[in-house]
Amino acid sequence: MTMDVRKTVFTKEIITADEMGMSCHPIKRFAAMAIVRNPFAGVHRDDLSPLFEVGAQLGQSLTQELVKMLGEPPVCYGKAALIGSAGAMEHGAAVLHPALGKPVRAAVGGGKSLMPSNHKVGPLAGTIDMPLGHKDDAWSFDHIDTMTLWVPDGPRADEIVLCIGLSDGTRAHPRVGKGPSAT
């Protein structure tokens, strides 16, 4: 299957204060969003494996670009897919789960933790909350975070917005700590 990418969008956030206005050490969060044509929009197919390769290819290229943008080794990662209205949630799962993780882990230099993810069917200019978590310590609650992402002209009904995110740290002023595996 030929991968048909209409557009790639990058989001860069540098957080210098928490929601209450208290200054913090700058936290960098970056996301890449690729808008791809969904070949299964409006069609029921049991075999979604062509979408696995889309995830693998975009996982590699987008993450390499994000690592360059971050400028230092990433600490957190996450993924999400917003599927256009003629698609199915399973189309997003097919892009995200079977093959995307391996090239992402290769690009970030590791990744022992499951990559947090989210996928949903949504409208044009819909939002998706992409979760972030520590790439090597799933029980580091201070690193659990979210980026809300959107693209004004996507996804069209026959598209998928594939999102990958990286961060260099925790939330601003985290106070939750470690989970049960640390005790």
Protein backbone atom coordinates (compact mmCIF):
# COMPACT_ATOMS: atom_id res chain seq x y z
CA MET A 1 0.00 0.00 0.00
CA THR A 2 1.27 3.46 -0.85
CA MET A 3 1.29 5.85 2.08
CA ASP A 4 -0.54 9.04 1.13
CA VAL A 5 0.48 11.83 3.55
CA ARG A 6 -1.36 15.08 2.87
CA LYS A 7 0.30 17.20 5.51
CA THR A 8 2.62 17.07 8.51
CA VAL A 9 2.23 19.50 11.41
CA PHE A 10 4.59 20.00 14.36
CA THR A 11 3.64 21.48 17.72
CA LYS A 12 6.26 22.84 20.11
CA GLU A 13 5.44 23.76 23.69
CA ILE A 14 7.87 25.24 26.18
CA ILE A 15 6.27 25.40 29.60
CA THR A 16 7.81 27.96 31.97
CA ALA A 17 5.08 28.15 34.64
CA ASP A 18 2.34 25.95 36.03
CA GLU A 19 -1.39 26.67 35.80
CA MET A 20 -1.19 28.87 38.91
CA GLY A 21 1.59 31.00 37.40
CA MET A 22 4.43 29.60 39.51
CA SER A 23 7.65 29.57 37.47
CA CYS A 24 9.31 26.26 36.72
CA HIS A 25 12.35 24.93 34.95
CA PRO A 26 11.43 24.98 31.21
CA ILE A 27 9.75 21.78 30.06
CA LYS A 28 9.81 21.03 26.34
CA ARG A 29 7.02 19.01 24.72
CA PHE A 30 6.90 18.35 20.99
CA ALA A 31 4.33 16.59 18.85
CA ALA A 32 4.25 15.56 15.20
CA MET A 33 0.95 15.02 13.41
CA ALA A 34 0.78 13.38 10.00
CA ILE A 35 -2.50 13.51 8.13
CA VAL A 36 -2.77 10.35 6.03
CA ARG A 37 -5.46 9.03 3.74
CA ASN A 38 -7.40 6.16 5.29
CA PRO A 39 -7.74 3.48 2.58
CA PHE A 40 -10.41 1.71 4.67
CA ALA A 41 -12.71 4.71 5.22
CA GLY A 42 -16.28 3.62 4.58
CA VAL A 43 -15.25 -0.01 4.03
CA HIS A 44 -15.30 -2.93 6.46
CA ARG A 45 -12.11 -5.01 6.22
CA ASP A 46 -10.92 -7.67 8.62
CA ASP A 47 -7.32 -7.36 7.42
CA LEU A 48 -6.00 -3.94 8.45
CA SER A 49 -2.33 -4.93 8.10
CA PRO A 50 -1.58 -2.30 5.40
CA LEU A 51 -2.06 0.31 8.15
CA PHE A 52 0.63 -1.41 10.28
CA GLU A 53 3.28 -0.34 7.75
CA VAL A 54 1.97 3.24 7.76
CA GLY A 55 2.53 3.29 11.53
CA ALA A 56 6.03 1.84 11.19
CA GLN A 57 7.12 4.31 8.50
CA LEU A 58 5.68 7.36 10.23
CA GLY A 59 6.93 6.16 13.62
CA GLN A 60 10.46 6.19 12.29
CA SER A 61 10.44 9.42 10.29
CA LEU A 62 8.37 11.55 12.67
CA THR A 63 10.23 10.44 15.80
CA GLN A 64 13.63 11.09 14.23
CA GLU A 65 12.48 14.63 13.46
CA LEU A 66 11.08 15.10 16.99
CA VAL A 67 14.34 13.92 18.59
CA LYS A 68 16.24 16.51 16.52
CA MET A 69 13.77 19.21 17.55
CA LEU A 70 14.00 18.29 21.24
CA GLY A 71 17.79 18.59 21.11
CA GLU A 72 18.38 16.22 24.01
CA PRO A 73 17.38 12.67 24.91
CA PRO A 74 13.61 12.41 25.42
CA VAL A 75 12.29 11.32 28.80
CA CYS A 76 8.61 10.81 27.89
CA TYR A 77 6.70 9.61 24.86
CA GLY A 78 3.16 9.03 23.68
CA LYS A 79 0.99 8.41 20.62
CA ALA A 80 -2.55 9.07 19.43
CA ALA A 81 -4.75 8.83 16.36
CA LEU A 82 -7.78 10.87 15.39
CA ILE A 83 -9.77 9.04 12.73
CA GLY A 84 -12.06 10.85 10.29
CA SER A 85 -15.80 10.21 10.44
CA ALA A 86 -15.86 7.63 7.62
CA GLY A 87 -13.30 5.51 9.45
CA ALA A 88 -13.40 3.23 12.48
CA MET A 89 -11.57 3.40 15.78
CA GLU A 90 -9.89 0.14 14.82
CA HIS A 91 -8.17 1.95 11.93
CA GLY A 92 -6.40 4.16 14.47
CA ALA A 93 -5.47 1.11 16.55
CA ALA A 94 -3.98 -0.51 13.45
CA VAL A 95 -1.77 2.53 12.79
CA LEU A 96 -0.68 2.87 16.44
CA HIS A 97 -0.18 -0.55 17.95
CA PRO A 98 1.36 -3.39 15.93
CA ALA A 99 4.37 -1.66 14.36
CA LEU A 100 4.77 1.98 15.46
CA GLY A 101 6.48 1.36 18.81
CA LYS A 102 9.64 -0.37 17.58
CA PRO A 103 10.89 2.48 15.35
CA VAL A 104 9.94 5.03 18.02
CA ARG A 105 11.98 3.15 20.64
CA ALA A 106 14.92 2.93 18.22
CA ALA A 107 14.79 6.69 17.58
CA VAL A 108 14.60 7.62 21.29
CA GLY A 109 17.29 5.15 22.34
CA GLY A 110 15.24 2.78 24.46
CA GLY A 111 11.80 2.74 25.91
CA LYS A 112 11.06 -0.02 28.43
CA SER A 113 7.57 1.27 29.21
CA LEU A 114 4.47 0.71 27.16
CA MET A 115 3.87 3.78 25.03
CA PRO A 116 0.69 5.46 26.31
CA SER A 117 -1.90 5.94 23.59
CA ASN A 118 -5.34 7.19 22.69
CA HIS A 119 -7.48 6.90 19.58
CA LYS A 120 -10.95 8.01 18.61
CA VAL A 121 -13.17 8.87 15.67
CA GLY A 122 -13.69 12.61 15.44
CA PRO A 123 -14.80 15.52 13.27
CA LEU A 124 -12.85 17.96 11.14
CA ALA A 125 -10.73 20.12 13.47
CA GLY A 126 -11.48 17.77 16.35
CA THR A 127 -9.09 17.46 19.27
CA ILE A 128 -7.27 14.42 20.60
CA ASP A 129 -5.65 14.15 24.02
CA MET A 130 -2.32 12.44 23.51
CA PRO A 131 -1.01 10.93 26.76
CA LEU A 132 2.67 11.10 27.65
CA GLY A 133 4.51 8.83 30.07
CA HIS A 134 8.08 8.10 31.12
CA LYS A 135 9.70 5.98 28.42
CA ASP A 136 11.48 3.68 30.89
CA ASP A 137 9.47 3.87 34.14
CA ALA A 138 5.73 3.37 33.72
CA TRP A 139 5.22 3.96 37.46
CA SER A 140 6.65 7.48 37.50
CA PHE A 141 3.41 9.33 38.13
CA ASP A 142 5.16 12.72 37.90
CA HIS A 143 5.79 12.06 34.20
CA ILE A 144 2.18 11.24 33.29
CA ASP A 145 1.01 14.16 31.18
CA THR A 146 -1.22 15.06 28.23
CA MET A 147 -0.97 17.21 25.14
CA THR A 148 -4.21 18.27 23.49
CA LEU A 149 -3.65 18.32 19.75
CA TRP A 150 -5.65 19.38 16.71
CA VAL A 151 -5.23 20.29 13.07
CA PRO A 152 -7.67 22.90 11.67
CA ASP A 153 -8.23 21.07 8.36
CA GLY A 154 -8.09 17.47 9.51
CA PRO A 155 -9.04 14.81 9.69
CA ARG A 156 -11.27 14.83 6.67
CA ALA A 157 -13.77 11.96 6.66
CA ASP A 158 -11.32 9.67 4.82
CA GLU A 159 -8.19 10.56 6.82
CA ILE A 160 -6.31 9.67 9.99
CA VAL A 161 -4.26 12.14 12.01
CA LEU A 162 -1.39 10.14 13.49
CA CYS A 163 0.27 11.86 16.47
CA ILE A 164 3.58 11.13 18.19
CA GLY A 165 4.89 13.15 21.12
CA LEU A 166 8.10 13.51 23.11
CA SER A 167 8.96 15.47 26.23
CA ASP A 168 12.12 16.20 28.18
CA GLY A 169 10.59 16.04 31.64
CA THR A 170 7.74 15.96 34.12
CA ARG A 171 4.71 18.17 34.52
CA ALA A 172 5.36 21.60 36.03
CA HIS A 173 5.89 21.23 39.80
CA PRO A 174 4.92 17.55 40.06
CA ARG A 175 4.01 16.40 43.55
CA VAL A 176 2.64 12.90 43.06
CA GLY A 177 5.87 10.86 42.95
CA LYS A 178 6.37 7.20 42.26
CA GLY A 179 3.80 4.48 42.06
CA PRO A 180 3.62 1.18 43.95
CA SER A 181 6.65 -0.36 42.20
CA ALA A 182 8.92 2.20 43.88
CA THR A 183 7.88 1.29 47.42
